[in-house]
Amino acid sequence: MNTIYLVRHGIKEKSVGDAKLSAKGIQQAEKTASFFRDKKIDAVFSSPLSRAKETAAIIATAIDKDINEEIGLRERANWGDIPNQSFDEFVELWDKCTRERDYEPPNGVSARQAGKRMEQFINECKNQYPDSEIIAVTHGGIITDFMVNVFNAEQLNDLHSNFIDVQSKLIPECSITIIRYDGMKYYIDDFAQVTHLLDK
């Protein structure tokens, strides 16, 4: 049985393109790193986008691991993929992808395809690191894209009513979703938990 910790990156700077973490995002990543210090983690993977790699670097340093960059953890689309795209235009495109799961945006992939990339990544982890605990620092959209692919509506609505309709709002920055996978079936141990970010 593999355990996959799906970590959304910390809060990013408000800029187009491959935005870096904000000061708040760095603080969130440091608190997330503390969560993992006492856990037996076998590998750390990251989306190639800067905000994810910076989050992963803070976590990996805390647990003395290297980072494996994984393009399959990249978001289905990123603001700035399309030249001269306004933020409002990006949000409109994002919402269309969420509603129409097979729609392929320019310079991106469909929601269903993004979810399948995550499935493929988890399968590869199962083969390469059997019975291991893996951290994957990624993005909110691909986490829910994956979950809509592999869990049924009843399971999703147990996590949040109307999960599919509001999925884009369900994964806060530096939240942790814990998935177990036995090679045949996925299990949800925790969903978008943020207790590690709270001031103690």
N, C-alpha and C. Protein backbone atom coordinates (compact mmCIF):
# COMPACT_ATOMS: atom_id res chain seq x y z
N MET A 1 0.85 -1.20 0.00
CA MET A 1 0.00 0.00 0.00
C MET A 1 0.89 1.25 0.00
N ASN A 2 0.68 2.14 -0.94
CA ASN A 2 1.40 3.40 -0.98
C ASN A 2 0.55 4.52 -0.37
N THR A 3 1.21 5.42 0.31
CA THR A 3 0.55 6.62 0.81
C THR A 3 1.12 7.83 0.07
N ILE A 4 0.23 8.61 -0.53
CA ILE A 4 0.62 9.79 -1.29
C ILE A 4 0.07 11.03 -0.59
N TYR A 5 0.96 11.92 -0.20
CA TYR A 5 0.56 13.20 0.37
C TYR A 5 0.52 14.23 -0.76
N LEU A 6 -0.67 14.62 -1.16
CA LEU A 6 -0.84 15.62 -2.21
C LEU A 6 -0.87 16.99 -1.56
N VAL A 7 0.18 17.76 -1.77
CA VAL A 7 0.33 19.07 -1.14
C VAL A 7 0.17 20.16 -2.19
N ARG A 8 -0.79 21.05 -1.98
CA ARG A 8 -0.85 22.20 -2.87
C ARG A 8 0.26 23.17 -2.47
N HIS A 9 0.84 23.84 -3.46
CA HIS A 9 1.87 24.84 -3.20
C HIS A 9 1.35 25.96 -2.30
N GLY A 10 2.26 26.73 -1.74
CA GLY A 10 1.87 27.87 -0.91
C GLY A 10 1.34 29.02 -1.75
N ILE A 11 0.84 30.05 -1.07
CA ILE A 11 0.30 31.23 -1.74
C ILE A 11 1.38 31.85 -2.62
N LYS A 12 1.02 32.13 -3.86
CA LYS A 12 1.98 32.68 -4.82
C LYS A 12 1.83 34.19 -4.92
N GLU A 13 2.83 34.82 -5.53
CA GLU A 13 2.75 36.24 -5.83
C GLU A 13 1.66 36.47 -6.88
N LYS A 14 1.05 37.63 -6.84
CA LYS A 14 -0.03 37.95 -7.77
C LYS A 14 0.57 38.46 -9.08
N SER A 15 1.04 37.53 -9.90
CA SER A 15 1.63 37.90 -11.18
C SER A 15 1.36 36.82 -12.20
N VAL A 16 1.38 37.22 -13.47
CA VAL A 16 1.11 36.28 -14.55
C VAL A 16 2.32 35.38 -14.78
N GLY A 17 2.06 34.20 -15.33
CA GLY A 17 3.15 33.31 -15.69
C GLY A 17 3.58 32.41 -14.55
N ASP A 18 4.86 32.10 -14.52
CA ASP A 18 5.41 31.16 -13.54
C ASP A 18 5.72 31.89 -12.23
N ALA A 19 4.68 32.24 -11.51
CA ALA A 19 4.81 33.07 -10.31
C ALA A 19 5.51 32.31 -9.18
N LYS A 20 6.28 33.06 -8.39
CA LYS A 20 6.98 32.49 -7.25
C LYS A 20 6.10 32.58 -6.00
N LEU A 21 6.55 31.95 -4.93
CA LEU A 21 5.84 32.05 -3.66
C LEU A 21 5.90 33.47 -3.12
N SER A 22 4.82 33.89 -2.48
CA SER A 22 4.83 35.15 -1.73
C SER A 22 5.47 34.89 -0.36
N ALA A 23 5.66 35.96 0.41
CA ALA A 23 6.21 35.80 1.76
C ALA A 23 5.29 34.92 2.61
N LYS A 24 3.99 35.09 2.46
CA LYS A 24 3.03 34.25 3.18
C LYS A 24 3.14 32.80 2.73
N GLY A 25 3.33 32.60 1.43
CA GLY A 25 3.47 31.25 0.91
C GLY A 25 4.70 30.54 1.46
N ILE A 26 5.78 31.28 1.64
CA ILE A 26 7.00 30.70 2.23
C ILE A 26 6.73 30.27 3.67
N GLN A 27 6.02 31.10 4.42
CA GLN A 27 5.66 30.74 5.79
C GLN A 27 4.81 29.47 5.82
N GLN A 28 3.85 29.40 4.90
CA GLN A 28 3.00 28.20 4.83
C GLN A 28 3.84 26.95 4.53
N ALA A 29 4.78 27.08 3.59
CA ALA A 29 5.63 25.94 3.23
C ALA A 29 6.47 25.50 4.42
N GLU A 30 6.94 26.44 5.21
CA GLU A 30 7.74 26.10 6.39
C GLU A 30 6.90 25.34 7.42
N LYS A 31 5.65 25.76 7.61
CA LYS A 31 4.77 25.05 8.53
C LYS A 31 4.44 23.65 8.00
N THR A 32 4.29 23.55 6.69
CA THR A 32 4.01 22.25 6.08
C THR A 32 5.22 21.33 6.24
N ALA A 33 6.42 21.88 6.10
CA ALA A 33 7.63 21.09 6.31
C ALA A 33 7.67 20.52 7.72
N SER A 34 7.25 21.32 8.69
CA SER A 34 7.23 20.84 10.09
C SER A 34 6.31 19.64 10.25
N PHE A 35 5.20 19.64 9.51
CA PHE A 35 4.26 18.51 9.56
C PHE A 35 4.94 17.20 9.17
N PHE A 36 5.87 17.27 8.22
CA PHE A 36 6.48 16.05 7.68
C PHE A 36 7.77 15.63 8.41
N ARG A 37 8.26 16.44 9.33
CA ARG A 37 9.58 16.16 9.93
C ARG A 37 9.64 14.80 10.62
N ASP A 38 8.57 14.37 11.25
CA ASP A 38 8.58 13.11 12.00
C ASP A 38 8.01 11.94 11.22
N LYS A 39 7.77 12.13 9.93
CA LYS A 39 7.20 11.06 9.11
C LYS A 39 8.30 10.39 8.27
N LYS A 40 8.09 9.14 7.98
CA LYS A 40 9.05 8.40 7.16
C LYS A 40 8.67 8.58 5.69
N ILE A 41 9.28 9.55 5.05
CA ILE A 41 8.99 9.86 3.66
C ILE A 41 10.08 9.26 2.77
N ASP A 42 9.67 8.58 1.72
CA ASP A 42 10.62 7.91 0.85
C ASP A 42 11.04 8.75 -0.36
N ALA A 43 10.18 9.66 -0.80
CA ALA A 43 10.53 10.48 -1.96
C ALA A 43 9.65 11.73 -2.00
N VAL A 44 10.20 12.80 -2.58
CA VAL A 44 9.47 14.06 -2.75
C VAL A 44 9.45 14.40 -4.23
N PHE A 45 8.25 14.64 -4.76
CA PHE A 45 8.08 15.03 -6.16
C PHE A 45 7.46 16.42 -6.22
N SER A 46 7.70 17.11 -7.33
CA SER A 46 7.15 18.46 -7.49
C SER A 46 6.77 18.73 -8.93
N SER A 47 5.70 19.47 -9.09
CA SER A 47 5.39 20.10 -10.38
C SER A 47 6.57 20.97 -10.79
N PRO A 48 6.78 21.17 -12.10
CA PRO A 48 7.91 22.01 -12.55
C PRO A 48 7.68 23.51 -12.37
N LEU A 49 6.48 23.94 -11.98
CA LEU A 49 6.24 25.37 -11.81
C LEU A 49 6.88 25.88 -10.52
N SER A 50 7.35 27.12 -10.55
CA SER A 50 8.19 27.67 -9.48
C SER A 50 7.52 27.60 -8.11
N ARG A 51 6.24 27.94 -8.04
CA ARG A 51 5.58 27.98 -6.73
C ARG A 51 5.55 26.60 -6.08
N ALA A 52 5.43 25.57 -6.91
CA ALA A 52 5.47 24.20 -6.38
C ALA A 52 6.89 23.79 -6.03
N LYS A 53 7.84 24.10 -6.89
CA LYS A 53 9.23 23.71 -6.62
C LYS A 53 9.77 24.40 -5.37
N GLU A 54 9.40 25.66 -5.16
CA GLU A 54 9.86 26.36 -3.95
C GLU A 54 9.25 25.73 -2.71
N THR A 55 7.96 25.39 -2.77
CA THR A 55 7.31 24.72 -1.64
C THR A 55 7.98 23.38 -1.38
N ALA A 56 8.20 22.62 -2.44
CA ALA A 56 8.83 21.30 -2.30
C ALA A 56 10.24 21.41 -1.74
N ALA A 57 10.98 22.44 -2.15
CA ALA A 57 12.36 22.61 -1.68
C ALA A 57 12.41 22.83 -0.17
N ILE A 58 11.48 23.61 0.34
CA ILE A 58 11.43 23.87 1.79
C ILE A 58 11.10 22.59 2.54
N ILE A 59 10.15 21.82 2.01
CA ILE A 59 9.79 20.54 2.64
C ILE A 59 10.95 19.55 2.55
N ALA A 60 11.54 19.43 1.37
CA ALA A 60 12.61 18.45 1.15
C ALA A 60 13.82 18.75 2.03
N THR A 61 14.16 20.01 2.18
CA THR A 61 15.29 20.38 3.03
C THR A 61 15.04 19.95 4.47
N ALA A 62 13.80 20.14 4.93
CA ALA A 62 13.47 19.81 6.32
C ALA A 62 13.57 18.33 6.61
N ILE A 63 13.36 17.49 5.59
CA ILE A 63 13.38 16.03 5.81
C ILE A 63 14.57 15.37 5.12
N ASP A 64 15.49 16.20 4.63
CA ASP A 64 16.74 15.72 4.04
C ASP A 64 16.50 14.78 2.85
N LYS A 65 15.69 15.27 1.91
CA LYS A 65 15.41 14.53 0.68
C LYS A 65 15.69 15.41 -0.53
N ASP A 66 15.95 14.75 -1.67
CA ASP A 66 16.06 15.47 -2.93
C ASP A 66 14.66 15.65 -3.52
N ILE A 67 14.55 16.56 -4.50
CA ILE A 67 13.27 16.78 -5.19
C ILE A 67 13.35 16.12 -6.56
N ASN A 68 12.30 15.40 -6.90
CA ASN A 68 12.14 14.84 -8.25
C ASN A 68 11.10 15.68 -8.99
N GLU A 69 11.53 16.38 -10.03
CA GLU A 69 10.59 17.19 -10.80
C GLU A 69 9.75 16.29 -11.70
N GLU A 70 8.43 16.50 -11.68
CA GLU A 70 7.50 15.61 -12.39
C GLU A 70 6.51 16.46 -13.18
N ILE A 71 6.64 16.46 -14.51
CA ILE A 71 5.77 17.29 -15.34
C ILE A 71 4.31 16.86 -15.22
N GLY A 72 4.07 15.60 -14.87
CA GLY A 72 2.70 15.12 -14.72
C GLY A 72 1.94 15.76 -13.59
N LEU A 73 2.65 16.47 -12.70
CA LEU A 73 2.01 17.16 -11.58
C LEU A 73 1.66 18.61 -11.91
N ARG A 74 1.94 19.03 -13.15
CA ARG A 74 1.64 20.40 -13.55
C ARG A 74 0.13 20.60 -13.68
N GLU A 75 -0.32 21.83 -13.44
CA GLU A 75 -1.74 22.16 -13.56
C GLU A 75 -2.22 21.97 -15.00
N ARG A 76 -3.54 21.80 -15.17
CA ARG A 76 -4.10 21.61 -16.52
C ARG A 76 -3.87 22.85 -17.39
N ALA A 77 -3.84 24.02 -16.77
CA ALA A 77 -3.58 25.27 -17.48
C ALA A 77 -3.04 26.27 -16.45
N ASN A 78 -2.26 27.22 -16.92
CA ASN A 78 -1.65 28.21 -16.03
C ASN A 78 -1.85 29.60 -16.63
N TRP A 79 -2.19 30.55 -15.79
CA TRP A 79 -2.33 31.93 -16.29
C TRP A 79 -0.99 32.39 -16.86
N GLY A 80 -1.00 32.73 -18.13
CA GLY A 80 0.22 33.12 -18.82
C GLY A 80 0.61 32.14 -19.91
N ASP A 81 -0.04 30.98 -19.94
CA ASP A 81 0.23 30.02 -21.02
C ASP A 81 -0.16 30.61 -22.38
N ILE A 82 -1.23 31.41 -22.38
CA ILE A 82 -1.70 32.06 -23.61
C ILE A 82 -1.23 33.52 -23.58
N PRO A 83 -0.47 33.97 -24.58
CA PRO A 83 0.04 35.33 -24.57
C PRO A 83 -1.07 36.38 -24.45
N ASN A 84 -0.81 37.41 -23.64
CA ASN A 84 -1.71 38.56 -23.48
C ASN A 84 -3.07 38.19 -22.87
N GLN A 85 -3.15 37.04 -22.22
CA GLN A 85 -4.40 36.62 -21.60
C GLN A 85 -4.60 37.38 -20.28
N SER A 86 -5.76 38.01 -20.12
CA SER A 86 -6.07 38.68 -18.86
C SER A 86 -6.44 37.63 -17.81
N PHE A 87 -6.42 38.04 -16.54
CA PHE A 87 -6.79 37.10 -15.49
C PHE A 87 -8.25 36.69 -15.62
N ASP A 88 -9.11 37.64 -15.96
CA ASP A 88 -10.53 37.31 -16.13
C ASP A 88 -10.72 36.30 -17.26
N GLU A 89 -9.96 36.45 -18.33
CA GLU A 89 -10.04 35.49 -19.44
C GLU A 89 -9.55 34.11 -18.99
N PHE A 90 -8.51 34.10 -18.16
CA PHE A 90 -8.02 32.82 -17.65
C PHE A 90 -9.08 32.14 -16.78
N VAL A 91 -9.72 32.89 -15.89
CA VAL A 91 -10.74 32.32 -15.01
C VAL A 91 -11.90 31.76 -15.84
N GLU A 92 -12.29 32.49 -16.89
CA GLU A 92 -13.37 32.02 -17.76
C GLU A 92 -12.98 30.70 -18.43
N LEU A 93 -11.72 30.62 -18.89
CA LEU A 93 -11.23 29.39 -19.53
C LEU A 93 -11.18 28.25 -18.51
N TRP A 94 -10.70 28.56 -17.31
CA TRP A 94 -10.60 27.55 -16.26
C TRP A 94 -11.98 26.96 -15.93
N ASP A 95 -12.94 27.85 -15.77
CA ASP A 95 -14.29 27.40 -15.43
C ASP A 95 -14.89 26.53 -16.55
N LYS A 96 -14.59 26.89 -17.79
CA LYS A 96 -15.07 26.08 -18.92
C LYS A 96 -14.46 24.68 -18.86
N CYS A 97 -13.17 24.59 -18.55
CA CYS A 97 -12.50 23.29 -18.44
C CYS A 97 -13.11 22.46 -17.31
N THR A 98 -13.48 23.12 -16.23
CA THR A 98 -14.06 22.41 -15.09
C THR A 98 -15.43 21.86 -15.43
N ARG A 99 -16.24 22.66 -16.13
CA ARG A 99 -17.59 22.23 -16.52
C ARG A 99 -17.56 21.17 -17.60
N GLU A 100 -16.66 21.35 -18.58
CA GLU A 100 -16.58 20.46 -19.74
C GLU A 100 -15.26 19.69 -19.64
N ARG A 101 -15.28 18.55 -19.00
CA ARG A 101 -14.06 17.88 -18.57
C ARG A 101 -13.19 17.37 -19.71
N ASP A 102 -13.73 17.31 -20.92
CA ASP A 102 -12.94 16.87 -22.07
C ASP A 102 -12.52 18.04 -22.97
N TYR A 103 -12.85 19.26 -22.55
CA TYR A 103 -12.43 20.43 -23.33
C TYR A 103 -10.93 20.66 -23.14
N GLU A 104 -10.20 20.79 -24.24
CA GLU A 104 -8.75 21.02 -24.18
C GLU A 104 -8.47 22.50 -24.44
N PRO A 105 -7.97 23.23 -23.43
CA PRO A 105 -7.68 24.65 -23.62
C PRO A 105 -6.41 24.82 -24.46
N PRO A 106 -6.26 25.98 -25.11
CA PRO A 106 -5.01 26.24 -25.83
C PRO A 106 -3.81 26.13 -24.87
N ASN A 107 -2.77 25.46 -25.30
CA ASN A 107 -1.54 25.33 -24.51
C ASN A 107 -1.76 24.63 -23.17
N GLY A 108 -2.79 23.78 -23.08
CA GLY A 108 -3.06 23.05 -21.85
C GLY A 108 -3.66 21.70 -22.16
N VAL A 109 -4.18 21.04 -21.14
CA VAL A 109 -4.85 19.75 -21.31
C VAL A 109 -6.21 19.82 -20.64
N SER A 110 -7.08 18.88 -20.96
CA SER A 110 -8.40 18.86 -20.36
C SER A 110 -8.32 18.44 -18.89
N ALA A 111 -9.39 18.70 -18.16
CA ALA A 111 -9.46 18.28 -16.76
C ALA A 111 -9.31 16.77 -16.64
N ARG A 112 -9.95 16.05 -17.53
CA ARG A 112 -9.85 14.58 -17.47
C ARG A 112 -8.42 14.12 -17.73
N GLN A 113 -7.76 14.74 -18.72
CA GLN A 113 -6.38 14.38 -19.02
C GLN A 113 -5.45 14.71 -17.86
N ALA A 114 -5.67 15.86 -17.23
CA ALA A 114 -4.84 16.23 -16.08
C ALA A 114 -4.99 15.21 -14.96
N GLY A 115 -6.23 14.81 -14.69
CA GLY A 115 -6.46 13.79 -13.68
C GLY A 115 -5.78 12.47 -14.02
N LYS A 116 -5.79 12.11 -15.29
CA LYS A 116 -5.14 10.87 -15.72
C LYS A 116 -3.62 10.96 -15.56
N ARG A 117 -3.06 12.15 -15.76
CA ARG A 117 -1.62 12.33 -15.51
C ARG A 117 -1.30 12.01 -14.05
N MET A 118 -2.16 12.49 -13.13
CA MET A 118 -1.95 12.21 -11.72
C MET A 118 -2.07 10.70 -11.46
N GLU A 119 -3.06 10.06 -12.08
CA GLU A 119 -3.20 8.61 -11.93
C GLU A 119 -1.94 7.89 -12.40
N GLN A 120 -1.42 8.31 -13.54
CA GLN A 120 -0.21 7.69 -14.07
C GLN A 120 0.96 7.88 -13.13
N PHE A 121 1.08 9.08 -12.58
CA PHE A 121 2.16 9.36 -11.63
C PHE A 121 2.06 8.43 -10.41
N ILE A 122 0.87 8.28 -9.85
CA ILE A 122 0.69 7.44 -8.67
C ILE A 122 0.99 5.97 -9.00
N ASN A 123 0.58 5.53 -10.19
CA ASN A 123 0.91 4.17 -10.61
C ASN A 123 2.42 3.97 -10.74
N GLU A 124 3.11 4.95 -11.29
CA GLU A 124 4.56 4.85 -11.43
C GLU A 124 5.23 4.83 -10.06
N CYS A 125 4.70 5.62 -9.12
CA CYS A 125 5.24 5.59 -7.75
C CYS A 125 5.06 4.21 -7.12
N LYS A 126 3.90 3.61 -7.37
CA LYS A 126 3.63 2.28 -6.83
C LYS A 126 4.66 1.27 -7.34
N ASN A 127 5.05 1.40 -8.60
CA ASN A 127 6.02 0.48 -9.19
C ASN A 127 7.45 0.79 -8.73
N GLN A 128 7.77 2.07 -8.66
CA GLN A 128 9.15 2.46 -8.34
C GLN A 128 9.42 2.46 -6.84
N TYR A 129 8.39 2.81 -6.06
CA TYR A 129 8.53 2.89 -4.60
C TYR A 129 7.40 2.09 -3.94
N PRO A 130 7.40 0.79 -4.05
CA PRO A 130 6.29 0.01 -3.47
C PRO A 130 6.23 0.15 -1.96
N ASP A 131 5.00 0.20 -1.43
CA ASP A 131 4.78 0.28 0.02
C ASP A 131 5.55 1.44 0.64
N SER A 132 5.43 2.59 0.01
CA SER A 132 6.19 3.77 0.44
C SER A 132 5.27 4.95 0.73
N GLU A 133 5.86 5.98 1.33
CA GLU A 133 5.16 7.24 1.59
C GLU A 133 5.81 8.33 0.74
N ILE A 134 5.00 8.97 -0.10
CA ILE A 134 5.48 9.90 -1.11
C ILE A 134 4.81 11.25 -0.91
N ILE A 135 5.58 12.32 -1.04
CA ILE A 135 5.02 13.68 -1.07
C ILE A 135 5.01 14.16 -2.52
N ALA A 136 3.87 14.66 -2.97
CA ALA A 136 3.76 15.25 -4.31
C ALA A 136 3.26 16.69 -4.14
N VAL A 137 4.13 17.65 -4.43
CA VAL A 137 3.76 19.06 -4.32
C VAL A 137 3.23 19.49 -5.69
N THR A 138 2.00 19.90 -5.71
CA THR A 138 1.31 20.10 -6.98
C THR A 138 0.34 21.28 -6.88
N HIS A 139 -0.80 21.20 -7.56
CA HIS A 139 -1.73 22.32 -7.69
C HIS A 139 -3.15 21.88 -7.35
N GLY A 140 -3.96 22.84 -6.94
CA GLY A 140 -5.31 22.52 -6.51
C GLY A 140 -6.17 21.89 -7.58
N GLY A 141 -6.07 22.40 -8.80
CA GLY A 141 -6.91 21.91 -9.88
C GLY A 141 -6.65 20.46 -10.23
N ILE A 142 -5.38 20.08 -10.33
CA ILE A 142 -5.09 18.71 -10.73
C ILE A 142 -5.44 17.72 -9.61
N ILE A 143 -5.40 18.19 -8.36
CA ILE A 143 -5.82 17.30 -7.26
C ILE A 143 -7.29 16.94 -7.42
N THR A 144 -8.14 17.95 -7.64
CA THR A 144 -9.56 17.64 -7.80
C THR A 144 -9.85 16.98 -9.14
N ASP A 145 -9.09 17.31 -10.19
CA ASP A 145 -9.26 16.60 -11.46
C ASP A 145 -9.03 15.10 -11.27
N PHE A 146 -7.99 14.75 -10.54
CA PHE A 146 -7.70 13.35 -10.23
C PHE A 146 -8.82 12.72 -9.42
N MET A 147 -9.28 13.43 -8.40
CA MET A 147 -10.30 12.86 -7.52
C MET A 147 -11.62 12.63 -8.25
N VAL A 148 -11.99 13.56 -9.13
CA VAL A 148 -13.23 13.38 -9.91
C VAL A 148 -13.09 12.18 -10.85
N ASN A 149 -11.86 11.91 -11.31
CA ASN A 149 -11.63 10.75 -12.17
C ASN A 149 -11.82 9.43 -11.43
N VAL A 150 -11.33 9.35 -10.20
CA VAL A 150 -11.19 8.02 -9.57
C VAL A 150 -12.21 7.73 -8.46
N PHE A 151 -12.90 8.75 -7.97
CA PHE A 151 -13.90 8.53 -6.93
C PHE A 151 -15.29 8.84 -7.47
N ASN A 152 -16.30 8.14 -6.97
CA ASN A 152 -17.65 8.37 -7.45
C ASN A 152 -18.28 9.57 -6.73
N ALA A 153 -19.44 10.01 -7.23
CA ALA A 153 -20.08 11.22 -6.71
C ALA A 153 -20.41 11.10 -5.23
N GLU A 154 -20.83 9.91 -4.81
CA GLU A 154 -21.17 9.73 -3.39
C GLU A 154 -19.95 9.91 -2.51
N GLN A 155 -18.82 9.34 -2.91
CA GLN A 155 -17.59 9.49 -2.14
C GLN A 155 -17.16 10.96 -2.09
N LEU A 156 -17.26 11.65 -3.22
CA LEU A 156 -16.86 13.05 -3.28
C LEU A 156 -17.78 13.94 -2.43
N ASN A 157 -19.05 13.67 -2.50
CA ASN A 157 -20.01 14.48 -1.74
C ASN A 157 -19.93 14.21 -0.24
N ASP A 158 -19.35 13.08 0.15
CA ASP A 158 -19.07 12.85 1.57
C ASP A 158 -17.99 13.81 2.07
N LEU A 159 -17.13 14.24 1.17
CA LEU A 159 -16.08 15.19 1.53
C LEU A 159 -16.61 16.61 1.57
N HIS A 160 -17.47 16.93 0.62
CA HIS A 160 -18.07 18.27 0.54
C HIS A 160 -19.32 18.17 -0.34
N SER A 161 -20.41 18.71 0.16
CA SER A 161 -21.63 18.68 -0.66
C SER A 161 -21.40 19.46 -1.95
N ASN A 162 -21.93 18.92 -3.05
CA ASN A 162 -21.74 19.53 -4.37
C ASN A 162 -20.26 19.66 -4.74
N PHE A 163 -19.51 18.61 -4.44
CA PHE A 163 -18.07 18.62 -4.67
C PHE A 163 -17.73 19.07 -6.08
N ILE A 164 -18.37 18.45 -7.07
CA ILE A 164 -18.00 18.72 -8.46
C ILE A 164 -18.26 20.18 -8.83
N ASP A 165 -19.35 20.75 -8.35
CA ASP A 165 -19.69 22.13 -8.70
C ASP A 165 -18.73 23.15 -8.08
N VAL A 166 -18.21 22.85 -6.90
CA VAL A 166 -17.38 23.85 -6.18
C VAL A 166 -15.93 23.41 -6.06
N GLN A 167 -15.51 22.44 -6.85
CA GLN A 167 -14.19 21.84 -6.68
C GLN A 167 -13.04 22.83 -6.75
N SER A 168 -13.19 23.91 -7.53
CA SER A 168 -12.09 24.86 -7.68
C SER A 168 -11.82 25.66 -6.42
N LYS A 169 -12.70 25.57 -5.43
CA LYS A 169 -12.54 26.33 -4.19
C LYS A 169 -12.17 25.44 -3.00
N LEU A 170 -11.92 24.17 -3.24
CA LEU A 170 -11.83 23.21 -2.13
C LEU A 170 -10.42 22.91 -1.65
N ILE A 171 -9.40 23.31 -2.38
CA ILE A 171 -8.03 22.93 -2.02
C ILE A 171 -7.23 24.18 -1.65
N PRO A 172 -7.18 24.56 -0.39
CA PRO A 172 -6.42 25.77 0.01
C PRO A 172 -4.91 25.58 -0.21
N GLU A 173 -4.21 26.68 -0.30
CA GLU A 173 -2.75 26.63 -0.44
C GLU A 173 -2.12 25.90 0.75
N CYS A 174 -1.19 25.04 0.45
CA CYS A 174 -0.45 24.22 1.41
C CYS A 174 -1.34 23.26 2.21
N SER A 175 -2.56 23.01 1.73
CA SER A 175 -3.36 21.95 2.32
C SER A 175 -2.77 20.60 1.93
N ILE A 176 -3.12 19.57 2.72
CA ILE A 176 -2.61 18.22 2.48
C ILE A 176 -3.79 17.27 2.31
N THR A 177 -3.80 16.58 1.18
CA THR A 177 -4.78 15.52 0.93
C THR A 177 -4.02 14.20 0.91
N ILE A 178 -4.48 13.24 1.69
CA ILE A 178 -3.76 11.98 1.84
C ILE A 178 -4.53 10.86 1.14
N ILE A 179 -3.88 10.27 0.16
CA ILE A 179 -4.47 9.18 -0.64
C ILE A 179 -3.64 7.91 -0.44
N ARG A 180 -4.32 6.79 -0.26
CA ARG A 180 -3.63 5.50 -0.26
C ARG A 180 -4.03 4.72 -1.52
N TYR A 181 -3.08 3.95 -2.01
CA TYR A 181 -3.31 3.20 -3.26
C TYR A 181 -2.66 1.84 -3.14
N ASP A 182 -3.46 0.78 -3.39
CA ASP A 182 -2.94 -0.59 -3.27
C ASP A 182 -2.66 -1.24 -4.61
N GLY A 183 -2.69 -0.45 -5.68
CA GLY A 183 -2.48 -0.99 -7.03
C GLY A 183 -3.77 -1.28 -7.75
N MET A 184 -4.87 -1.30 -7.00
CA MET A 184 -6.19 -1.56 -7.58
C MET A 184 -7.20 -0.47 -7.22
N LYS A 185 -7.12 0.02 -6.02
CA LYS A 185 -8.14 0.92 -5.51
C LYS A 185 -7.51 2.08 -4.74
N TYR A 186 -8.18 3.24 -4.82
CA TYR A 186 -7.75 4.43 -4.09
C TYR A 186 -8.60 4.61 -2.83
N TYR A 187 -7.97 5.10 -1.77
CA TYR A 187 -8.65 5.39 -0.51
C TYR A 187 -8.30 6.80 -0.07
N ILE A 188 -9.25 7.50 0.52
CA ILE A 188 -9.02 8.87 1.01
C ILE A 188 -8.82 8.81 2.52
N ASP A 189 -7.62 9.17 2.98
CA ASP A 189 -7.36 9.22 4.42
C ASP A 189 -7.65 10.60 5.00
N ASP A 190 -7.40 11.63 4.22
CA ASP A 190 -7.67 13.00 4.67
C ASP A 190 -7.82 13.89 3.45
N PHE A 191 -8.60 14.94 3.58
CA PHE A 191 -8.88 15.80 2.43
C PHE A 191 -8.66 17.27 2.78
N ALA A 192 -7.73 17.88 2.06
CA ALA A 192 -7.49 19.33 2.12
C ALA A 192 -7.38 19.84 3.56
N GLN A 193 -6.67 19.09 4.40
CA GLN A 193 -6.54 19.51 5.79
C GLN A 193 -5.49 20.61 5.93
N VAL A 194 -5.75 21.55 6.81
CA VAL A 194 -4.88 22.71 6.99
C VAL A 194 -4.54 22.95 8.47
N THR A 195 -4.79 21.96 9.32
CA THR A 195 -4.54 22.18 10.75
C THR A 195 -3.09 22.48 11.04
N HIS A 196 -2.16 21.97 10.20
CA HIS A 196 -0.74 22.23 10.40
C HIS A 196 -0.37 23.69 10.15
N LEU A 197 -1.26 24.43 9.50
CA LEU A 197 -1.00 25.84 9.19
C LEU A 197 -1.47 26.78 10.30
N LEU A 198 -2.26 26.25 11.23
CA LEU A 198 -2.81 27.09 12.27
C LEU A 198 -1.74 27.46 13.30
N ASP A 199 -1.80 28.67 13.80
CA ASP A 199 -0.87 29.10 14.84
C ASP A 199 -1.15 28.33 16.13
N LYS A 200 -0.11 27.87 16.76
CA LYS A 200 -0.29 27.08 17.97
C LYS A 200 0.07 27.91 19.19
